[in-house]
C-alpha cells in the first residue's frame, strides 16, 4: 500500500475519536453497560491508531524536510546531517507502516478478556495425566512471569499423579489474546516413570482455552438453574467435613446451531465460600455457552484462511514435546527449539510471539492492506 493510500485509510479517525470520547462521558451511555464497554474498547483502539499515525506523519515530514535540504542547501555539513536524517527516517518508515496496517485490522473482540483453560489427559493413560500436570505447571509458571492471577476451578487427579482433568481461570491484561494459541492437542514423547525397559512412549493431552464471558455476552435464565451443594473434600480440615461449600449446577440450554436442548453440568469447589463458588460456577456456565455460540464465528474465520494459528480445530495436533532430544516443535509454524527444560518451566513467550507474527501475516494477506 502506498503512503497516500494508507493515509487515506486514516481520514476521519480523528473525528470518530472525538465523537467516542464524548459518548463515553454521557450518563445514558454509561448506564448501558454493553454499549459503554464496546465504546471504551473502540476509544482505546482509536487512541493506539492515532498515536501510531502521528509517529508515521512525523517520519514523512522528516523525510520531506531532509529531501528539501539536500535539494537547496550548499553547506556540506548541513547536507550530511540531512542525509543522515533521511536515512534514519526512511529506515523506520516500513516498520511504522506495518504497525498501522495491523492496527487497522479489526482485533478479535475476545483478546482483552480473561481466559478459562481446560487441560485433559488424552491417549496414554497414567502418562497422559502426568503430562497434563506438567502442562498445568508450565502455564502456572508462565502466568507468574506475566503477573496474571491463576485460580483452579476443579480438577481430577490421575492415579499415578498429574491430572485427568484440570480447569482454571487466568485473570490479567489481554490473557485470552495470548493464551488462545495454546488450544489443541499437545503430544509428548518420553520414557514414562513406569517404563522398566527404557522405551519411549507417545502420549497426549488436550488444551482448550476459552474467553471468559461477561454477563451481557450471553442470556441465561438464572431461575431455571438447578443447584446442588456438597462437601468439597480434600485438604482443609474440619471446614471441609462440616460445610457444604461445593456447588453443582444443572442448566438446560438450547443450542442455537442445532436446535437440540443440552443439559450443562458444572461443579465448582474452588473456595470454602459457597456464594463465591456459585458466582464462579455461573461464570463458567456463561463462558461455556458463549464459546458454543461463538464457535461459528471462529469457523468462519478459519474457512477464510489456509491456516488458523489461534483458533483452529481443537482436535488438531499443534505441538510435540520430545524429552529424549530436549526438543519442542510447534507444527503450525514449523518452529523447533532445543531447550525443552526451560520451555516446560514456563519460558514459552518466544513460541507465542512467533505464532502472533504468523497470524498477523495471515491477517495482512487476507485484508489486502
Protein backbone atom coordinates (compact mmCIF):
# COMPACT_ATOMS: atom_id res chain seq x y z
CA UNK A 1 0.00 0.00 0.00
CA UNK A 2 1.38 3.40 -0.94
CA UNK A 3 1.87 6.17 1.60
CA UNK A 4 -1.02 8.28 0.22
CA UNK A 5 -3.49 5.37 0.15
CA UNK A 6 -2.51 4.40 3.68
CA UNK A 7 -3.10 7.96 4.87
CA UNK A 8 -6.45 7.99 3.09
CA UNK A 9 -7.50 5.00 5.20
CA UNK A 10 -6.83 7.13 8.28
CA UNK A 11 -9.03 10.04 7.22
CA UNK A 12 -11.91 10.65 9.59
CA UNK A 13 -10.44 8.74 12.52
CA UNK A 14 -9.76 11.96 14.45
CA UNK A 15 -13.43 12.92 14.18
CA UNK A 16 -14.61 9.48 15.28
CA UNK A 17 -12.16 9.53 18.21
CA UNK A 18 -13.59 12.84 19.44
CA UNK A 19 -17.14 11.53 19.00
CA UNK A 20 -16.43 8.38 21.04
CA UNK A 21 -14.62 10.43 23.71
CA UNK A 22 -17.80 12.46 24.15
CA UNK A 23 -20.10 9.43 24.12
CA UNK A 24 -18.29 7.58 26.93
CA UNK A 25 -18.93 10.51 29.26
CA UNK A 26 -22.68 10.52 28.50
CA UNK A 27 -24.69 9.21 31.52
CA UNK A 28 -27.13 7.43 29.18
CA UNK A 29 -24.26 5.53 27.56
CA UNK A 30 -22.67 4.70 30.92
CA UNK A 31 -26.00 3.27 32.08
CA UNK A 32 -26.00 0.90 29.08
CA UNK A 33 -23.07 -1.29 30.13
CA UNK A 34 -22.91 -3.31 26.93
CA UNK A 35 -22.66 -0.17 24.79
CA UNK A 36 -20.28 1.53 27.23
CA UNK A 37 -17.83 -1.40 27.22
CA UNK A 38 -17.94 -1.54 23.41
CA UNK A 39 -17.28 2.20 23.09
CA UNK A 40 -14.44 2.28 25.65
CA UNK A 41 -12.74 -0.51 23.72
CA UNK A 42 -13.19 1.45 20.47
CA UNK A 43 -11.74 4.53 22.22
CA UNK A 44 -8.60 2.63 23.24
CA UNK A 45 -8.22 1.11 19.76
CA UNK A 46 -8.59 4.50 18.05
CA UNK A 47 -6.14 6.06 20.50
CA UNK A 48 -3.49 3.49 19.56
CA UNK A 49 -4.08 4.03 15.83
CA UNK A 50 -3.89 7.82 16.14
CA UNK A 51 -0.67 7.66 18.18
CA UNK A 52 0.87 5.41 15.52
CA UNK A 53 -0.41 7.78 12.81
CA UNK A 54 1.27 10.76 14.50
CA UNK A 55 4.57 8.91 14.54
CA UNK A 56 4.11 7.94 10.88
CA UNK A 57 3.32 11.51 9.79
CA UNK A 58 6.35 12.77 11.74
CA UNK A 59 8.58 10.36 9.80
CA UNK A 60 7.08 11.53 6.48
CA UNK A 61 7.69 15.16 7.49
CA UNK A 62 11.31 14.36 8.41
CA UNK A 63 11.85 12.72 5.03
CA UNK A 64 10.35 15.69 3.17
CA UNK A 65 12.43 18.19 5.15
CA UNK A 66 15.63 16.21 4.59
CA UNK A 67 14.96 15.99 0.84
CA UNK A 68 14.29 19.74 0.68
CA UNK A 69 17.57 20.49 2.48
CA UNK A 70 19.51 18.24 0.12
CA UNK A 71 17.96 20.00 -2.88
CA UNK A 72 18.54 23.55 -1.63
CA UNK A 73 21.43 23.50 0.87
CA UNK A 74 25.00 24.10 -0.27
CA UNK A 75 26.75 23.74 3.08
CA UNK A 76 28.28 20.23 3.13
CA UNK A 77 27.90 19.80 6.89
CA UNK A 78 24.17 20.58 6.69
CA UNK A 79 23.82 18.26 3.69
CA UNK A 80 25.48 15.45 5.65
CA UNK A 81 23.05 15.96 8.55
CA UNK A 82 20.15 15.88 6.07
CA UNK A 83 21.43 12.63 4.53
CA UNK A 84 21.69 11.02 7.97
CA UNK A 85 18.17 12.16 8.90
CA UNK A 86 16.80 10.92 5.58
CA UNK A 87 18.46 7.53 6.03
CA UNK A 88 17.22 7.16 9.64
CA UNK A 89 13.60 8.18 8.90
CA UNK A 90 13.43 6.06 5.73
CA UNK A 91 14.64 3.00 7.67
CA UNK A 92 11.88 3.45 10.27
CA UNK A 93 9.09 4.06 7.74
CA UNK A 94 8.31 0.40 6.73
CA UNK A 95 8.01 -0.65 10.38
CA UNK A 96 5.70 2.30 11.08
CA UNK A 97 3.53 1.41 8.07
CA UNK A 98 3.32 -2.21 9.22
CA UNK A 99 2.24 -1.12 12.70
CA UNK A 100 -0.62 0.99 11.29
CA UNK A 101 -1.76 -1.75 8.90
CA UNK A 102 -2.01 -4.24 11.77
CA UNK A 103 -3.89 -1.73 13.93
CA UNK A 104 -6.37 -1.12 11.09
CA UNK A 105 -7.29 -4.82 11.02
CA UNK A 106 -10.20 -5.42 13.43
CA UNK A 107 -8.90 -7.23 16.51
CA UNK A 108 -10.54 -10.34 17.91
CA UNK A 109 -13.10 -8.86 20.33
CA UNK A 110 -12.21 -11.54 22.85
CA UNK A 111 -8.47 -10.83 23.02
CA UNK A 112 -8.75 -8.48 26.01
CA UNK A 113 -10.75 -10.97 28.07
CA UNK A 114 -9.64 -13.31 30.83
CA UNK A 115 -9.35 -16.98 29.89
CA UNK A 116 -10.68 -20.27 31.20
CA UNK A 117 -8.24 -23.09 30.45
CA UNK A 118 -9.17 -26.77 30.42
CA UNK A 119 -6.42 -29.41 30.31
CA UNK A 120 -7.34 -33.07 29.90
CA UNK A 121 -5.14 -36.15 29.71
CA UNK A 122 -5.70 -37.86 26.36
CA UNK A 123 -4.27 -41.08 24.97
CA UNK A 124 -1.62 -42.65 27.17
CA UNK A 125 -3.34 -43.44 30.48
CA UNK A 126 -1.31 -42.53 33.57
CA UNK A 127 1.45 -40.95 31.48
CA UNK A 128 -1.09 -38.64 29.78
CA UNK A 129 -2.33 -37.49 33.20
CA UNK A 130 1.26 -36.84 34.30
CA UNK A 131 1.86 -34.80 31.14
CA UNK A 132 -1.37 -32.83 31.75
CA UNK A 133 0.09 -31.98 35.16
CA UNK A 134 3.33 -30.87 33.53
CA UNK A 135 1.39 -28.59 31.15
CA UNK A 136 -0.52 -27.09 34.08
CA UNK A 137 2.75 -26.31 35.89
CA UNK A 138 4.14 -24.81 32.66
CA UNK A 139 1.17 -22.44 32.39
CA UNK A 140 1.36 -21.72 36.11
CA UNK A 141 4.98 -20.59 35.75
CA UNK A 142 4.14 -18.59 32.62
CA UNK A 143 1.24 -16.86 34.38
CA UNK A 144 3.57 -15.89 37.24
CA UNK A 145 6.01 -14.35 34.77
CA UNK A 146 3.17 -12.31 33.21
CA UNK A 147 1.77 -11.17 36.55
CA UNK A 148 -1.55 -12.95 35.92
CA UNK A 149 -3.76 -14.44 38.64
CA UNK A 150 -4.50 -18.17 38.41
CA UNK A 151 -7.46 -19.79 40.17
CA UNK A 152 -8.25 -23.51 39.87
CA UNK A 153 -11.98 -24.21 39.45
CA UNK A 154 -11.94 -28.02 39.52
CA UNK A 155 -9.60 -30.94 38.99
CA UNK A 156 -9.48 -34.72 38.91
CA UNK A 157 -6.13 -36.27 39.84
CA UNK A 158 -4.55 -39.14 37.95
CA UNK A 159 -3.85 -42.47 39.67
CA UNK A 160 -0.07 -42.00 39.34
CA UNK A 161 -0.12 -38.20 39.74
CA UNK A 162 -0.86 -35.30 37.45
CA UNK A 163 -4.44 -34.65 36.34
CA UNK A 164 -7.04 -36.48 34.33
CA UNK A 165 -8.61 -33.03 34.04
CA UNK A 166 -7.94 -29.59 35.48
CA UNK A 167 -9.84 -26.35 34.81
CA UNK A 168 -8.55 -22.95 35.85
CA UNK A 169 -9.11 -19.25 35.20
CA UNK A 170 -6.37 -16.81 34.24
CA UNK A 171 -7.03 -13.17 35.06
CA UNK A 172 -4.94 -10.28 33.77
CA UNK A 173 -4.31 -7.94 30.86
CA UNK A 174 -5.03 -9.47 27.43
CA UNK A 175 -4.91 -13.05 28.71
CA UNK A 176 -7.08 -14.69 26.06
CA UNK A 177 -5.29 -12.86 23.24
CA UNK A 178 -2.08 -14.56 24.37
CA UNK A 179 -3.29 -17.95 25.62
CA UNK A 180 -5.59 -18.72 22.67
CA UNK A 181 -2.56 -20.05 20.79
CA UNK A 182 -2.33 -22.96 23.26
CA UNK A 183 -5.64 -24.59 22.19
CA UNK A 184 -5.17 -28.01 20.63
CA UNK A 185 -3.55 -31.40 21.17
CA UNK A 186 -0.13 -31.42 22.84
CA UNK A 187 1.86 -34.61 22.19
CA UNK A 188 4.68 -35.84 24.42
CA UNK A 189 7.40 -38.38 23.60
CA UNK A 190 9.38 -39.64 26.61
CA UNK A 191 10.18 -42.64 28.77
CA UNK A 192 7.40 -42.90 31.39
CA UNK A 193 8.33 -43.37 35.04
CA UNK A 194 6.52 -46.73 34.93
CA UNK A 195 8.55 -48.00 31.95
CA UNK A 196 11.18 -50.54 33.09
CA UNK A 197 12.86 -51.15 29.72
CA UNK A 198 13.56 -47.52 28.84
CA UNK A 199 11.25 -47.40 25.82
CA UNK A 200 9.95 -44.05 24.61
CA UNK A 201 6.16 -43.77 24.70
CA UNK A 202 3.93 -41.24 22.96
CA UNK A 203 1.05 -39.70 24.92
CA UNK A 204 -1.13 -36.64 24.55
CA UNK A 205 -3.13 -34.05 26.43
CA UNK A 206 -5.70 -31.60 25.09
CA UNK A 207 -5.81 -27.92 25.97
CA UNK A 208 -8.90 -25.76 25.39
CA UNK A 209 -8.61 -22.01 26.01
CA UNK A 210 -11.94 -20.18 26.21
CA UNK A 211 -12.56 -16.44 26.55
CA UNK A 212 -14.29 -15.74 29.86
CA UNK A 213 -17.76 -14.44 29.00
CA UNK A 214 -19.12 -11.26 30.58
CA UNK A 215 -22.64 -11.12 32.00
CA UNK A 216 -24.03 -9.35 28.94
CA UNK A 217 -22.32 -11.66 26.43
CA UNK A 218 -24.97 -14.39 26.82
CA UNK A 219 -28.52 -14.64 28.09
CA UNK A 220 -29.06 -17.06 30.98
CA UNK A 221 -32.36 -17.60 32.78
CA UNK A 222 -30.99 -17.99 36.30
CA UNK A 223 -34.38 -19.08 37.67
CA UNK A 224 -34.08 -22.25 35.57
CA UNK A 225 -30.73 -23.27 37.07
CA UNK A 226 -30.89 -26.28 39.42
CA UNK A 227 -28.35 -26.01 42.25
CA UNK A 228 -26.92 -28.76 44.47
CA UNK A 229 -24.38 -28.40 47.24
CA UNK A 230 -21.86 -30.90 48.57
CA UNK A 231 -18.82 -31.15 50.78
CA UNK A 232 -15.73 -30.12 48.88
CA UNK A 233 -13.35 -32.84 50.05
CA UNK A 234 -9.56 -32.63 50.03
CA UNK A 235 -7.35 -30.53 52.28
CA UNK A 236 -8.89 -28.00 54.58
CA UNK A 237 -9.52 -29.68 57.93
CA UNK A 238 -12.83 -29.56 59.76
CA UNK A 239 -14.39 -26.95 57.49
CA UNK A 240 -14.33 -29.37 54.55
CA UNK A 241 -16.02 -32.11 56.56
CA UNK A 242 -18.79 -29.93 58.01
CA UNK A 243 -19.62 -27.26 55.41
CA UNK A 244 -21.25 -27.96 52.04
CA UNK A 245 -19.24 -25.31 50.19
CA UNK A 246 -19.01 -27.15 46.86
CA UNK A 247 -21.71 -26.32 44.30
CA UNK A 248 -23.11 -28.14 41.30
CA UNK A 249 -25.39 -26.52 38.72
CA UNK A 250 -27.55 -28.07 36.03
CA UNK A 251 -28.93 -25.96 33.21
CA UNK A 252 -30.91 -26.93 30.12
CA UNK A 253 -29.70 -24.89 27.15
CA UNK A 254 -30.99 -24.95 23.59
CA UNK A 255 -28.11 -24.95 21.15
CA UNK A 256 -29.00 -22.29 18.53
CA UNK A 257 -26.83 -24.02 15.91
CA UNK A 258 -28.51 -27.45 16.23
CA UNK A 259 -31.80 -26.73 18.00
CA UNK A 260 -31.02 -29.54 20.45
CA UNK A 261 -31.57 -29.00 24.19
CA UNK A 262 -28.44 -29.94 26.12
CA UNK A 263 -28.02 -30.33 29.88
CA UNK A 264 -24.96 -28.50 31.12
CA UNK A 265 -23.42 -29.77 34.36
CA UNK A 266 -20.79 -27.67 36.16
CA UNK A 267 -19.15 -28.21 39.55
CA UNK A 268 -17.05 -25.72 41.49
CA UNK A 269 -15.09 -26.37 44.70
CA UNK A 270 -12.61 -23.57 44.24
CA UNK A 271 -13.17 -21.82 47.58
CA UNK A 272 -14.62 -22.63 51.01
CA UNK A 273 -17.25 -19.95 50.45
CA UNK A 274 -20.43 -21.30 48.83
CA UNK A 275 -21.61 -17.93 47.37
CA UNK A 276 -18.21 -17.42 45.73
CA UNK A 277 -18.32 -20.93 44.28
CA UNK A 278 -21.80 -20.20 42.90
CA UNK A 279 -20.53 -16.99 41.32
CA UNK A 280 -17.63 -18.83 39.69
CA UNK A 281 -19.83 -21.70 38.51
CA UNK A 282 -22.09 -19.10 36.85
CA UNK A 283 -19.04 -17.53 35.17
CA UNK A 284 -18.08 -20.93 33.76
CA UNK A 285 -21.65 -21.50 32.56
CA UNK A 286 -21.63 -18.15 30.74
CA UNK A 287 -18.26 -18.98 29.17
CA UNK A 288 -19.39 -22.46 28.09
CA UNK A 289 -22.48 -21.11 26.33
CA UNK A 290 -20.59 -18.15 24.84
CA UNK A 291 -17.94 -20.48 23.46
CA UNK A 292 -20.54 -22.72 21.82
CA UNK A 293 -22.32 -19.77 20.23
CA UNK A 294 -19.01 -18.11 19.27
CA UNK A 295 -17.64 -21.21 17.51
CA UNK A 296 -19.45 -20.40 14.26
CA UNK A 297 -17.64 -17.04 14.16
CA UNK A 298 -14.31 -18.85 14.66
CA UNK A 299 -15.14 -21.42 11.98
CA UNK A 300 -16.00 -18.64 9.53
CA UNK A 301 -12.60 -17.03 10.13
CA UNK A 302 -10.79 -20.37 9.78
CA UNK A 303 -12.53 -21.07 6.46
CA UNK A 304 -11.14 -17.81 5.07
CA UNK A 305 -7.53 -18.67 5.83
CA UNK A 306 -5.29 -21.51 4.75
CA UNK A 307 -4.05 -21.98 8.30
CA UNK A 308 -5.55 -20.89 11.57
CA UNK A 309 -2.89 -20.26 14.15
CA UNK A 310 -5.05 -19.19 17.05
CA UNK A 311 -8.46 -20.78 16.84
CA UNK A 312 -8.24 -23.88 14.73
CA UNK A 313 -9.69 -27.32 15.33
CA UNK A 314 -9.11 -28.22 18.98
CA UNK A 315 -8.53 -31.84 17.99
CA UNK A 316 -5.56 -30.84 15.82
CA UNK A 317 -2.06 -31.72 16.98
CA UNK A 318 -0.29 -28.41 17.48
CA UNK A 319 2.91 -29.27 19.33
CA UNK A 320 5.28 -32.14 20.14
CA UNK A 321 7.47 -32.27 23.25
CA UNK A 322 10.33 -34.74 22.70
CA UNK A 323 12.13 -35.27 26.02
CA UNK A 324 14.95 -37.63 24.86
CA UNK A 325 16.10 -34.98 22.36
CA UNK A 326 15.17 -32.00 24.56
CA UNK A 327 13.14 -30.68 21.63
CA UNK A 328 9.84 -28.81 21.25
CA UNK A 329 8.24 -28.43 17.82
CA UNK A 330 5.21 -26.28 17.05
CA UNK A 331 3.72 -27.83 13.92
CA UNK A 332 1.61 -24.81 12.93
CA UNK A 333 4.65 -22.68 12.11
CA UNK A 334 7.35 -25.39 11.84
CA UNK A 335 9.20 -23.85 14.79
CA UNK A 336 11.62 -26.01 16.77
CA UNK A 337 13.72 -25.20 19.80
CA UNK A 338 16.13 -27.38 21.77
CA UNK A 339 15.65 -26.00 25.26
CA UNK A 340 12.69 -28.10 26.36
CA UNK A 341 13.53 -27.88 30.08
CA UNK A 342 13.20 -24.07 30.05
CA UNK A 343 10.06 -24.29 27.91
CA UNK A 344 8.39 -26.66 30.39
CA UNK A 345 9.42 -24.25 33.13
CA UNK A 346 7.18 -21.57 31.61
CA UNK A 347 9.56 -19.94 29.11
CA UNK A 348 7.05 -20.14 26.23
CA UNK A 349 6.94 -16.47 25.15
CA UNK A 350 9.21 -16.85 22.10
CA UNK A 351 6.92 -19.50 20.62
CA UNK A 352 3.81 -17.40 21.27
CA UNK A 353 5.50 -14.34 19.73
CA UNK A 354 6.24 -16.32 16.56
CA UNK A 355 2.63 -17.54 16.42
CA UNK A 356 1.40 -13.94 16.73
CA UNK A 357 3.69 -12.85 13.88
CA UNK A 358 2.43 -15.72 11.72
CA UNK A 359 -1.20 -14.88 12.40
CA UNK A 360 -0.62 -11.18 11.74
CA UNK A 361 0.93 -12.07 8.39
CA UNK A 362 -2.21 -14.06 7.55
CA UNK A 363 -4.42 -11.15 8.58
CA UNK A 364 -2.48 -8.69 6.42
CA UNK A 365 -2.68 -11.02 3.43
CA UNK A 366 -6.40 -11.60 3.91
CA UNK A 367 -7.14 -7.90 4.31
CA UNK A 368 -5.04 -6.93 1.25
CA UNK A 369 -3.65 -3.92 3.09
